[in-house]
Structure formats: structure tokens, C-alpha cells
C-alpha atoms as a PDB file:
ATOM      1  CA  MET A   1       4.333 -18.292   5.520  1.00  0.00           C
ATOM      2  CA  THR A   2       3.037 -17.408   8.961  1.00  0.00           C
ATOM      3  CA  SER A   3       3.016 -19.379  12.128  1.00  0.00           C
ATOM      4  CA  GLY A   4      -0.263 -20.034  13.858  1.00  0.00           C
ATOM      5  CA  SER A   5      -1.608 -17.334  16.090  1.00  0.00           C
ATOM      6  CA  ALA A   6      -1.729 -19.743  19.038  1.00  0.00           C
ATOM      7  CA  HIS A   7       1.845 -18.752  19.900  1.00  0.00           C
ATOM      8  CA  ARG A   8       2.499 -15.658  22.013  1.00  0.00           C
ATOM      9  CA  PHE A   9       5.438 -13.608  23.120  1.00  0.00           C
ATOM     10  CA  ASP A  10       6.385 -13.430  26.767  1.00  0.00           C
ATOM     11  CA  PRO A  11       4.293 -10.624  28.353  1.00  0.00           C
ATOM     12  CA  GLN A  12       7.296  -8.673  29.653  1.00  0.00           C
ATOM     13  CA  TYR A  13       9.164  -8.965  26.328  1.00  0.00           C
ATOM     14  CA  PHE A  14       6.050  -7.771  24.479  1.00  0.00           C
ATOM     15  CA  ALA A  15       5.590  -4.864  26.907  1.00  0.00           C
ATOM     16  CA  ASP A  16       9.253  -3.834  26.730  1.00  0.00           C
ATOM     17  CA  ILE A  17       9.226  -3.682  22.930  1.00  0.00           C
ATOM     18  CA  LEU A  18       5.848  -1.949  22.688  1.00  0.00           C
ATOM     19  CA  LEU A  19       6.783   0.673  25.282  1.00  0.00           C
ATOM     20  CA  ARG A  20      10.101   1.263  23.509  1.00  0.00           C
ATOM     21  CA  ILE A  21       8.122   2.241  20.402  1.00  0.00           C
ATOM     22  CA  VAL A  22       5.176   3.992  22.076  1.00  0.00           C
ATOM     23  CA  PRO A  23       6.466   5.014  25.528  1.00  0.00           C
ATOM     24  CA  ASP A  24       3.351   6.753  26.864  1.00  0.00           C
ATOM     25  CA  LEU A  25       0.951   3.805  26.677  1.00  0.00           C
ATOM     26  CA  PRO A  26      -0.945   3.047  29.878  1.00  0.00           C
ATOM     27  CA  GLN A  27      -0.241  -0.395  31.349  1.00  0.00           C
ATOM     28  CA  PRO A  28      -3.868  -1.615  30.837  1.00  0.00           C
ATOM     29  CA  VAL A  29      -3.495  -0.907  27.101  1.00  0.00           C
ATOM     30  CA  VAL A  30      -0.245  -2.869  26.934  1.00  0.00           C
ATOM     31  CA  GLU A  31      -1.926  -5.778  28.722  1.00  0.00           C
ATOM     32  CA  SER A  32      -4.982  -5.586  26.457  1.00  0.00           C
ATOM     33  CA  LEU A  33      -2.859  -5.631  23.291  1.00  0.00           C
ATOM     34  CA  TRP A  34      -0.733  -8.482  24.637  1.00  0.00           C
ATOM     35  CA  SER A  35      -3.799 -10.590  25.419  1.00  0.00           C
ATOM     36  CA  ALA A  36      -5.113 -10.070  21.869  1.00  0.00           C
ATOM     37  CA  HIS A  37      -1.882 -10.723  19.963  1.00  0.00           C
ATOM     38  CA  GLY A  38      -0.700 -13.758  18.082  1.00  0.00           C
ATOM     39  CA  ALA A  39       2.920 -14.384  17.118  1.00  0.00           C
ATOM     40  CA  ARG A  40       3.687 -14.558  13.400  1.00  0.00           C
ATOM     41  CA  CYS A  41       6.831 -15.412  11.486  1.00  0.00           C
ATOM     42  CA  TYR A  42       7.515 -14.435   7.875  1.00  0.00           C
ATOM     43  CA  SER A  43      10.243 -15.723   5.586  1.00  0.00           C
ATOM     44  CA  PRO A  44      12.195 -13.409   3.272  1.00  0.00           C
ATOM     45  CA  ALA A  45       9.982 -12.279   0.337  1.00  0.00           C
ATOM     46  CA  ASP A  46       6.720 -13.019   2.230  1.00  0.00           C
ATOM     47  CA  PHE A  47       4.155 -10.228   2.315  1.00  0.00           C
ATOM     48  CA  LEU A  48       2.886  -8.999   5.669  1.00  0.00           C
ATOM     49  CA  GLN A  49       0.277  -6.811   3.990  1.00  0.00           C
ATOM     50  CA  CYS A  50      -0.512  -5.603   0.484  1.00  0.00           C
ATOM     51  CA  GLU A  51      -1.548  -2.152  -0.665  1.00  0.00           C
ATOM     52  CA  GLY A  52      -5.293  -1.796  -1.220  1.00  0.00           C
ATOM     53  CA  GLU A  53      -6.339  -4.744   0.944  1.00  0.00           C
ATOM     54  CA  VAL A  54      -8.638  -4.257   3.903  1.00  0.00           C
ATOM     55  CA  SER A  55      -6.538  -3.522   6.973  1.00  0.00           C
ATOM     56  CA  GLN A  56      -6.742  -6.460   9.380  1.00  0.00           C
ATOM     57  CA  GLY A  57      -4.678  -5.134  12.293  1.00  0.00           C
ATOM     58  CA  ILE A  58      -1.301  -3.942  13.452  1.00  0.00           C
ATOM     59  CA  PHE A  59       2.099  -5.623  13.485  1.00  0.00           C
ATOM     60  CA  LEU A  60       4.596  -5.163  16.275  1.00  0.00           C
ATOM     61  CA  ILE A  61       7.788  -6.038  14.432  1.00  0.00           C
ATOM     62  CA  VAL A  62       9.986  -7.759  17.009  1.00  0.00           C
ATOM     63  CA  SER A  63      12.860  -8.764  14.723  1.00  0.00           C
ATOM     64  CA  GLY A  64      13.747  -8.496  11.076  1.00  0.00           C
ATOM     65  CA  LEU A  65      13.646  -6.034   8.204  1.00  0.00           C
ATOM     66  CA  VAL A  66      10.566  -5.058   6.175  1.00  0.00           C
ATOM     67  CA  ARG A  67      10.412  -3.122   2.892  1.00  0.00           C
ATOM     68  CA  LEU A  68       7.543  -0.711   2.347  1.00  0.00           C
ATOM     69  CA  SER A  69       6.535   0.057  -1.218  1.00  0.00           C
ATOM     70  CA  LEU A  70       3.798   1.751  -3.171  1.00  0.00           C
ATOM     71  CA  ALA A  71       2.481   0.843  -6.596  1.00  0.00           C
ATOM     72  CA  SER A  72       2.974   3.477  -9.271  1.00  0.00           C
ATOM     73  CA  ASP A  73       0.020   4.717 -11.308  1.00  0.00           C
ATOM     74  CA  GLY A  74       1.925   4.652 -14.586  1.00  0.00           C
ATOM     75  CA  PRO A  75       1.152   2.412 -17.559  1.00  0.00           C
ATOM     76  CA  LYS A  76       3.894   0.028 -16.487  1.00  0.00           C
ATOM     77  CA  ALA A  77       2.932  -1.167 -13.024  1.00  0.00           C
ATOM     78  CA  GLN A  78       6.034  -0.669 -10.930  1.00  0.00           C
ATOM     79  CA  SER A  79       6.688  -0.681  -7.257  1.00  0.00           C
ATOM     80  CA  ILE A  80       8.110   2.479  -5.718  1.00  0.00           C
ATOM     81  CA  HIS A  81      10.391   1.669  -2.798  1.00  0.00           C
ATOM     82  CA  SER A  82       9.236   3.857   0.065  1.00  0.00           C
ATOM     83  CA  ARG A  83      11.587   2.829   2.888  1.00  0.00           C
ATOM     84  CA  GLU A  84      12.651  -0.016   5.102  1.00  0.00           C
ATOM     85  CA  LEU A  85      11.523  -0.710   8.635  1.00  0.00           C
ATOM     86  CA  SER A  86      13.884  -2.408  11.030  1.00  0.00           C
ATOM     87  CA  SER A  87      12.817  -3.851  14.324  1.00  0.00           C
ATOM     88  CA  PRO A  88      11.540  -2.883  16.737  1.00  0.00           C
ATOM     89  CA  THR A  89       8.726  -0.944  15.099  1.00  0.00           C
ATOM     90  CA  MET A  90       5.025  -1.036  14.361  1.00  0.00           C
ATOM     91  CA  LEU A  91       3.227  -1.393  11.063  1.00  0.00           C
ATOM     92  CA  GLY A  92      -0.398  -0.692  10.201  1.00  0.00           C
ATOM     93  CA  VAL A  93      -1.296   1.734  12.991  1.00  0.00           C
ATOM     94  CA  ASN A  94      -2.140   4.581  10.610  1.00  0.00           C
ATOM     95  CA  ASP A  95      -4.397   2.474   8.382  1.00  0.00           C
ATOM     96  CA  VAL A  96      -6.251   0.938  11.334  1.00  0.00           C
ATOM     97  CA  MET A  97      -6.793   4.225  13.162  1.00  0.00           C
ATOM     98  CA  LEU A  98      -7.989   5.940   9.974  1.00  0.00           C
ATOM     99  CA  GLY A  99     -10.163   2.997   8.972  1.00  0.00           C
ATOM    100  CA  SER A 100      -8.567   2.957   5.537  1.00  0.00           C
ATOM    101  CA  SER A 101      -7.321   0.156   3.370  1.00  0.00           C
ATOM    102  CA  VAL A 102      -3.642  -0.763   3.543  1.00  0.00           C
ATOM    103  CA  SER A 103      -1.662   2.165   2.116  1.00  0.00           C
ATOM    104  CA  LEU A 104       1.700   0.449   1.563  1.00  0.00           C
ATOM    105  CA  THR A 105       2.807  -3.056   0.709  1.00  0.00           C
ATOM    106  CA  ALA A 106       5.053  -4.567   3.365  1.00  0.00           C
ATOM    107  CA  GLN A 107       7.410  -7.376   2.356  1.00  0.00           C
ATOM    108  CA  ALA A 108       9.881  -9.224   4.560  1.00  0.00           C
ATOM    109  CA  LEU A 109      13.504  -8.743   3.479  1.00  0.00           C
ATOM    110  CA  THR A 110      14.798 -11.029   6.223  1.00  0.00           C
ATOM    111  CA  GLU A 111      13.042 -13.446   8.522  1.00  0.00           C
ATOM    112  CA  VAL A 112      10.531 -11.327  10.423  1.00  0.00           C
ATOM    113  CA  HIS A 113       8.988 -12.122  13.791  1.00  0.00           C
ATOM    114  CA  SER A 114       6.002 -10.057  14.787  1.00  0.00           C
ATOM    115  CA  ALA A 115       3.102  -9.838  17.162  1.00  0.00           C
ATOM    116  CA  PHE A 116      -0.136  -9.296  15.290  1.00  0.00           C
ATOM    117  CA  VAL A 117      -3.003  -7.498  17.032  1.00  0.00           C
ATOM    118  CA  PRO A 118      -6.372  -7.662  15.249  1.00  0.00           C
ATOM    119  CA  LYS A 119      -7.983  -4.366  14.299  1.00  0.00           C
ATOM    120  CA  THR A 120     -10.998  -4.804  16.588  1.00  0.00           C
ATOM    121  CA  ALA A 121      -8.850  -5.443  19.668  1.00  0.00           C
ATOM    122  CA  PHE A 122      -6.575  -2.502  18.858  1.00  0.00           C
ATOM    123  CA  LEU A 123      -9.456  -0.076  18.295  1.00  0.00           C
ATOM    124  CA  ASP A 124     -11.210  -1.296  21.443  1.00  0.00           C
ATOM    125  CA  ALA A 125      -8.118  -0.519  23.517  1.00  0.00           C
ATOM    126  CA  VAL A 126      -7.826   2.941  21.946  1.00  0.00           C
ATOM    127  CA  ARG A 127     -11.529   3.660  22.594  1.00  0.00           C
ATOM    128  CA  ARG A 128     -11.312   2.598  26.237  1.00  0.00           C
ATOM    129  CA  PHE A 129      -8.162   4.628  26.900  1.00  0.00           C
ATOM    130  CA  PRO A 130      -8.083   8.041  25.197  1.00  0.00           C
ATOM    131  CA  SER A 131      -4.453   8.517  26.294  1.00  0.00           C
ATOM    132  CA  ALA A 132      -3.586   5.508  24.108  1.00  0.00           C
ATOM    133  CA  GLY A 133      -5.135   7.292  21.130  1.00  0.00           C
ATOM    134  CA  ILE A 134      -2.912  10.285  21.833  1.00  0.00           C
ATOM    135  CA  ALA A 135       0.181   8.090  22.184  1.00  0.00           C
ATOM    136  CA  PHE A 136      -0.531   6.287  18.907  1.00  0.00           C
ATOM    137  CA  SER A 137      -1.280   9.620  17.208  1.00  0.00           C
ATOM    138  CA  GLN A 138       2.195  10.789  18.209  1.00  0.00           C
ATOM    139  CA  PHE A 139       3.610   7.580  16.710  1.00  0.00           C
ATOM    140  CA  ILE A 140       1.692   8.295  13.476  1.00  0.00           C
ATOM    141  CA  ALA A 141       3.034  11.866  13.404  1.00  0.00           C
ATOM    142  CA  GLU A 142       6.592  10.533  13.656  1.00  0.00           C
ATOM    143  CA  GLU A 143       5.904   8.034  10.874  1.00  0.00           C
ATOM    144  CA  LEU A 144       4.477  10.786   8.648  1.00  0.00           C
ATOM    145  CA  THR A 145       7.575  12.886   9.236  1.00  0.00           C
ATOM    146  CA  LEU A 146       9.756   9.982   8.084  1.00  0.00           C
ATOM    147  CA  THR A 147       7.511   9.414   5.055  1.00  0.00           C
ATOM    148  CA  TYR A 148       7.631  13.059   3.977  1.00  0.00           C
ATOM    149  CA  SER A 149      11.371  13.071   4.471  1.00  0.00           C
ATOM    150  CA  ARG A 150      11.659  10.012   2.214  1.00  0.00           C
ATOM    151  CA  ILE A 151       9.423  11.640  -0.421  1.00  0.00           C
ATOM    152  CA  SER A 152      11.690  14.691  -0.382  1.00  0.00           C
ATOM    153  CA  GLU A 153      14.723  12.438  -0.847  1.00  0.00           C
ATOM    154  CA  LEU A 154      13.080  10.687  -3.785  1.00  0.00           C
ATOM    155  CA  ARG A 155      12.144  13.965  -5.407  1.00  0.00           C
ATOM    156  CA  GLY A 156      15.691  15.241  -4.965  1.00  0.00           C
ATOM    157  CA  ALA A 157      17.047  12.130  -6.682  1.00  0.00           C
ATOM    158  CA  ASN A 158      14.710  12.491  -9.673  1.00  0.00           C
ATOM    159  CA  PRO A 159      16.323  14.710 -12.359  1.00  0.00           C
ATOM    160  CA  GLU A 160      12.926  15.364 -14.006  1.00  0.00           C
ATOM    161  CA  GLU A 161      11.473  16.637 -10.738  1.00  0.00           C
ATOM    162  CA  THR A 162      14.561  18.785 -10.112  1.00  0.00           C
ATOM    163  CA  ARG A 163      14.150  20.375 -13.532  1.00  0.00           C
ATOM    164  CA  TRP A 164      10.511  21.274 -12.712  1.00  0.00           C
ATOM    165  CA  ARG A 165      11.542  22.997  -9.498  1.00  0.00           C
ATOM    166  CA  ARG A 166      14.106  25.158 -11.275  1.00  0.00           C
ATOM    167  CA  VAL A 167      11.659  26.459 -13.874  1.00  0.00           C
END
């Protein structure tokens, strides 16, 4: 499922990808996250994280495609496809910063290579550098915008929901 965390990405490659996603991070934060990361590889259908579990850290998705889904509350347990994440991106930032359990299940659709940064190392970097907290908050705001957009799309595709809005 995952490779051992003894492997690491090249520091410049790691920095380039991280700064592409979160451009305003101070260099000491990038270095701190790099020193704490471990490389992980997931095969198609492997789970990176599962909804409801305790959040363990963040994933810097370097390559691959990940499906995010949410369990429905109905009598027939179904998975609601939220959206897909393609590299480069980050996963788990919101849950770690809020101190909540994992909010969405993430499953590899293709082979996925990621850098995993444990929660304690991530939060330590954010505490030491308030500007990092601001930069990651902006990332979260962008992610929320995409999520709300996807929810609107799903509601628009649901004939039952459309009927309710017309009444």
C-alpha cells in the first residue's frame, strides 16, 4: 500500500511543488515541512484517508489522481462523489488546522505519489510562523470555494432538489 516513510523527495522538488500550491509560505516553513515529510506511494483503489478517522497529517500530492467522497446518511450506506484532486495539490490541511476528524474519504484512482507531513510537525510550523497560518487559511478558502461549487453542481443535477427550489 504505502512505501516506507524513510524515503524523501528532493528538497528543491518538494519546495517547488509546495510553493506552487501555497505561494506565500516563508522559506523556513518549507524547510520545516520538508524535513518532517516521508514519501508515500499508493496504488489505484488504495485509501489515503477515510472519513471519520483521526486526522494524522497532510498529504502533498505530487503525482496522480485522488477521488474525494462522503458517506451518505441514508439507510443504504452510499458514497457521494465529491470531486477529484489532480496533482499537484494538498489534502488534509483543513482537518488538521481545525483539529477535526477526517471529513472526506480520499481514494487513489491512479498511482499516487505524495509527501506526508505528520500533524504535529505541520501544526508546529504554523504556530512558529503566523504568516504560514494565513497562507494555509487562503488555501482552505480556495478549497471551500471549490467544495461549495461542487455542492451547487450536485444540487442542480438532482431533479428532487430542483423541484424543491421551484416550490
